[in-house]
Amino acid sequence: MSTDTFAFAFNPQNIDNMVNKAKETLDIRLFEIAFTKF
């Protein structure tokens, strides 16, 4: 593991971006599931 990867992984900005991306993906998935059920 390089120091660049380590720095990237522990950069709060990058963590925020990854969390937001994950939330968006999850929201879209839940939205699709809800729509196909009803």
PDB file of N, CA and C in Angstrom:
ATOM      1  N   MET A   1       0.857  -1.193   0.000  1.00  0.00           N
ATOM      2  CA  MET A   1       0.000   0.000   0.000  1.00  0.00           C
ATOM      3  C   MET A   1       0.892   1.242   0.000  1.00  0.00           C
ATOM      4  N   SER A   2       0.705   2.069  -1.001  1.00  0.00           N
ATOM      5  CA  SER A   2       1.528   3.279  -1.099  1.00  0.00           C
ATOM      6  C   SER A   2       0.985   4.370  -0.191  1.00  0.00           C
ATOM      7  N   THR A   3       1.823   5.344   0.098  1.00  0.00           N
ATOM      8  CA  THR A   3       1.392   6.453   0.950  1.00  0.00           C
ATOM      9  C   THR A   3       0.320   7.282   0.254  1.00  0.00           C
ATOM     10  N   ASP A   4       0.351   7.312  -1.079  1.00  0.00           N
ATOM     11  CA  ASP A   4      -0.679   8.045  -1.828  1.00  0.00           C
ATOM     12  C   ASP A   4      -2.058   7.443  -1.583  1.00  0.00           C
ATOM     13  N   THR A   5      -2.129   6.127  -1.664  1.00  0.00           N
ATOM     14  CA  THR A   5      -3.397   5.437  -1.429  1.00  0.00           C
ATOM     15  C   THR A   5      -3.873   5.695  -0.010  1.00  0.00           C
ATOM     16  N   PHE A   6      -2.938   5.626   0.926  1.00  0.00           N
ATOM     17  CA  PHE A   6      -3.255   5.850   2.334  1.00  0.00           C
ATOM     18  C   PHE A   6      -3.799   7.262   2.533  1.00  0.00           C
ATOM     19  N   ALA A   7      -3.116   8.243   1.954  1.00  0.00           N
ATOM     20  CA  ALA A   7      -3.539   9.640   2.068  1.00  0.00           C
ATOM     21  C   ALA A   7      -4.916   9.832   1.438  1.00  0.00           C
ATOM     22  N   PHE A   8      -5.132   9.209   0.301  1.00  0.00           N
ATOM     23  CA  PHE A   8      -6.428   9.321  -0.377  1.00  0.00           C
ATOM     24  C   PHE A   8      -7.538   8.735   0.489  1.00  0.00           C
ATOM     25  N   ALA A   9      -7.276   7.551   1.037  1.00  0.00           N
ATOM     26  CA  ALA A   9      -8.293   6.851   1.814  1.00  0.00           C
ATOM     27  C   ALA A   9      -8.681   7.624   3.070  1.00  0.00           C
ATOM     28  N   PHE A  10      -7.722   8.346   3.630  1.00  0.00           N
ATOM     29  CA  PHE A  10      -7.998   9.034   4.889  1.00  0.00           C
ATOM     30  C   PHE A  10      -8.208  10.538   4.725  1.00  0.00           C
ATOM     31  N   ASN A  11      -8.419  10.961   3.484  1.00  0.00           N
ATOM     32  CA  ASN A  11      -8.736  12.361   3.212  1.00  0.00           C
ATOM     33  C   ASN A  11     -10.240  12.548   3.446  1.00  0.00           C
ATOM     34  N   PRO A  12     -10.642  13.373   4.421  1.00  0.00           N
ATOM     35  CA  PRO A  12     -12.065  13.549   4.745  1.00  0.00           C
ATOM     36  C   PRO A  12     -12.909  13.922   3.533  1.00  0.00           C
ATOM     37  N   GLN A  13     -12.357  14.738   2.643  1.00  0.00           N
ATOM     38  CA  GLN A  13     -13.088  15.145   1.441  1.00  0.00           C
ATOM     39  C   GLN A  13     -13.439  13.925   0.592  1.00  0.00           C
ATOM     40  N   ASN A  14     -12.468  13.045   0.401  1.00  0.00           N
ATOM     41  CA  ASN A  14     -12.696  11.844  -0.393  1.00  0.00           C
ATOM     42  C   ASN A  14     -13.681  10.904   0.282  1.00  0.00           C
ATOM     43  N   ILE A  15     -13.584  10.821   1.608  1.00  0.00           N
ATOM     44  CA  ILE A  15     -14.519   9.980   2.357  1.00  0.00           C
ATOM     45  C   ILE A  15     -15.937  10.519   2.180  1.00  0.00           C
ATOM     46  N   ASP A  16     -16.110  11.831   2.302  1.00  0.00           N
ATOM     47  CA  ASP A  16     -17.420  12.447   2.094  1.00  0.00           C
ATOM     48  C   ASP A  16     -17.958  12.121   0.710  1.00  0.00           C
ATOM     49  N   ASN A  17     -17.104  12.280  -0.302  1.00  0.00           N
ATOM     50  CA  ASN A  17     -17.526  12.006  -1.672  1.00  0.00           C
ATOM     51  C   ASN A  17     -17.970  10.561  -1.834  1.00  0.00           C
ATOM     52  N   MET A  18     -17.210   9.641  -1.266  1.00  0.00           N
ATOM     53  CA  MET A  18     -17.547   8.218  -1.376  1.00  0.00           C
ATOM     54  C   MET A  18     -18.854   7.908  -0.652  1.00  0.00           C
ATOM     55  N   VAL A  19     -19.034   8.510   0.521  1.00  0.00           N
ATOM     56  CA  VAL A  19     -20.264   8.296   1.286  1.00  0.00           C
ATOM     57  C   VAL A  19     -21.460   8.824   0.505  1.00  0.00           C
ATOM     58  N   ASN A  20     -21.329  10.030  -0.053  1.00  0.00           N
ATOM     59  CA  ASN A  20     -22.420  10.611  -0.831  1.00  0.00           C
ATOM     60  C   ASN A  20     -22.749   9.769  -2.048  1.00  0.00           C
ATOM     61  N   LYS A  21     -21.711   9.287  -2.741  1.00  0.00           N
ATOM     62  CA  LYS A  21     -21.927   8.417  -3.898  1.00  0.00           C
ATOM     63  C   LYS A  21     -22.677   7.151  -3.489  1.00  0.00           C
ATOM     64  N   ALA A  22     -22.257   6.573  -2.377  1.00  0.00           N
ATOM     65  CA  ALA A  22     -22.904   5.353  -1.889  1.00  0.00           C
ATOM     66  C   ALA A  22     -24.362   5.624  -1.530  1.00  0.00           C
ATOM     67  N   LYS A  23     -24.625   6.755  -0.883  1.00  0.00           N
ATOM     68  CA  LYS A  23     -25.993   7.122  -0.508  1.00  0.00           C
ATOM     69  C   LYS A  23     -26.860   7.299  -1.748  1.00  0.00           C
ATOM     70  N   GLU A  24     -26.330   8.015  -2.761  1.00  0.00           N
ATOM     71  CA  GLU A  24     -27.075   8.222  -4.002  1.00  0.00           C
ATOM     72  C   GLU A  24     -27.428   6.888  -4.638  1.00  0.00           C
ATOM     73  N   THR A  25     -26.438   6.006  -4.721  1.00  0.00           N
ATOM     74  CA  THR A  25     -26.656   4.689  -5.322  1.00  0.00           C
ATOM     75  C   THR A  25     -27.717   3.928  -4.543  1.00  0.00           C
ATOM     76  N   LEU A  26     -27.625   3.981  -3.217  1.00  0.00           N
ATOM     77  CA  LEU A  26     -28.572   3.282  -2.359  1.00  0.00           C
ATOM     78  C   LEU A  26     -29.972   3.865  -2.524  1.00  0.00           C
ATOM     79  N   ASP A  27     -30.096   5.195  -2.546  1.00  0.00           N
ATOM     80  CA  ASP A  27     -31.387   5.851  -2.719  1.00  0.00           C
ATOM     81  C   ASP A  27     -32.039   5.434  -4.027  1.00  0.00           C
ATOM     82  N   ILE A  28     -31.259   5.440  -5.105  1.00  0.00           N
ATOM     83  CA  ILE A  28     -31.789   5.052  -6.413  1.00  0.00           C
ATOM     84  C   ILE A  28     -32.264   3.605  -6.370  1.00  0.00           C
ATOM     85  N   ARG A  29     -31.476   2.740  -5.757  1.00  0.00           N
ATOM     86  CA  ARG A  29     -31.822   1.322  -5.657  1.00  0.00           C
ATOM     87  C   ARG A  29     -33.119   1.147  -4.873  1.00  0.00           C
ATOM     88  N   LEU A  30     -33.245   1.810  -3.729  1.00  0.00           N
ATOM     89  CA  LEU A  30     -34.452   1.700  -2.910  1.00  0.00           C
ATOM     90  C   LEU A  30     -35.662   2.245  -3.654  1.00  0.00           C
ATOM     91  N   PHE A  31     -35.457   3.341  -4.381  1.00  0.00           N
ATOM     92  CA  PHE A  31     -36.500   3.961  -5.180  1.00  0.00           C
ATOM     93  C   PHE A  31     -37.024   2.974  -6.221  1.00  0.00           C
ATOM     94  N   GLU A  32     -36.083   2.307  -6.918  1.00  0.00           N
ATOM     95  CA  GLU A  32     -36.451   1.323  -7.938  1.00  0.00           C
ATOM     96  C   GLU A  32     -37.208   0.154  -7.317  1.00  0.00           C
ATOM     97  N   ILE A  33     -36.726  -0.323  -6.177  1.00  0.00           N
ATOM     98  CA  ILE A  33     -37.377  -1.447  -5.493  1.00  0.00           C
ATOM     99  C   ILE A  33     -38.799  -1.057  -5.090  1.00  0.00           C
ATOM    100  N   ALA A  34     -38.952   0.128  -4.522  1.00  0.00           N
ATOM    101  CA  ALA A  34     -40.267   0.604  -4.089  1.00  0.00           C
ATOM    102  C   ALA A  34     -41.225   0.680  -5.274  1.00  0.00           C
ATOM    103  N   PHE A  35     -40.721   1.165  -6.406  1.00  0.00           N
ATOM    104  CA  PHE A  35     -41.575   1.323  -7.575  1.00  0.00           C
ATOM    105  C   PHE A  35     -42.000  -0.005  -8.179  1.00  0.00           C
ATOM    106  N   THR A  36     -41.096  -0.990  -8.175  1.00  0.00           N
ATOM    107  CA  THR A  36     -41.450  -2.278  -8.765  1.00  0.00           C
ATOM    108  C   THR A  36     -42.411  -3.041  -7.868  1.00  0.00           C
ATOM    109  N   LYS A  37     -42.407  -2.747  -6.569  1.00  0.00           N
ATOM    110  CA  LYS A  37     -43.302  -3.440  -5.643  1.00  0.00           C
ATOM    111  C   LYS A  37     -44.740  -2.918  -5.744  1.00  0.00           C
ATOM    112  N   PHE A  38     -44.905  -1.648  -6.017  1.00  0.00           N
ATOM    113  CA  PHE A  38     -46.252  -1.058  -6.033  1.00  0.00           C
ATOM    114  C   PHE A  38     -46.826  -0.885  -7.431  1.00  0.00           C
TER     115      PHE A  38
END
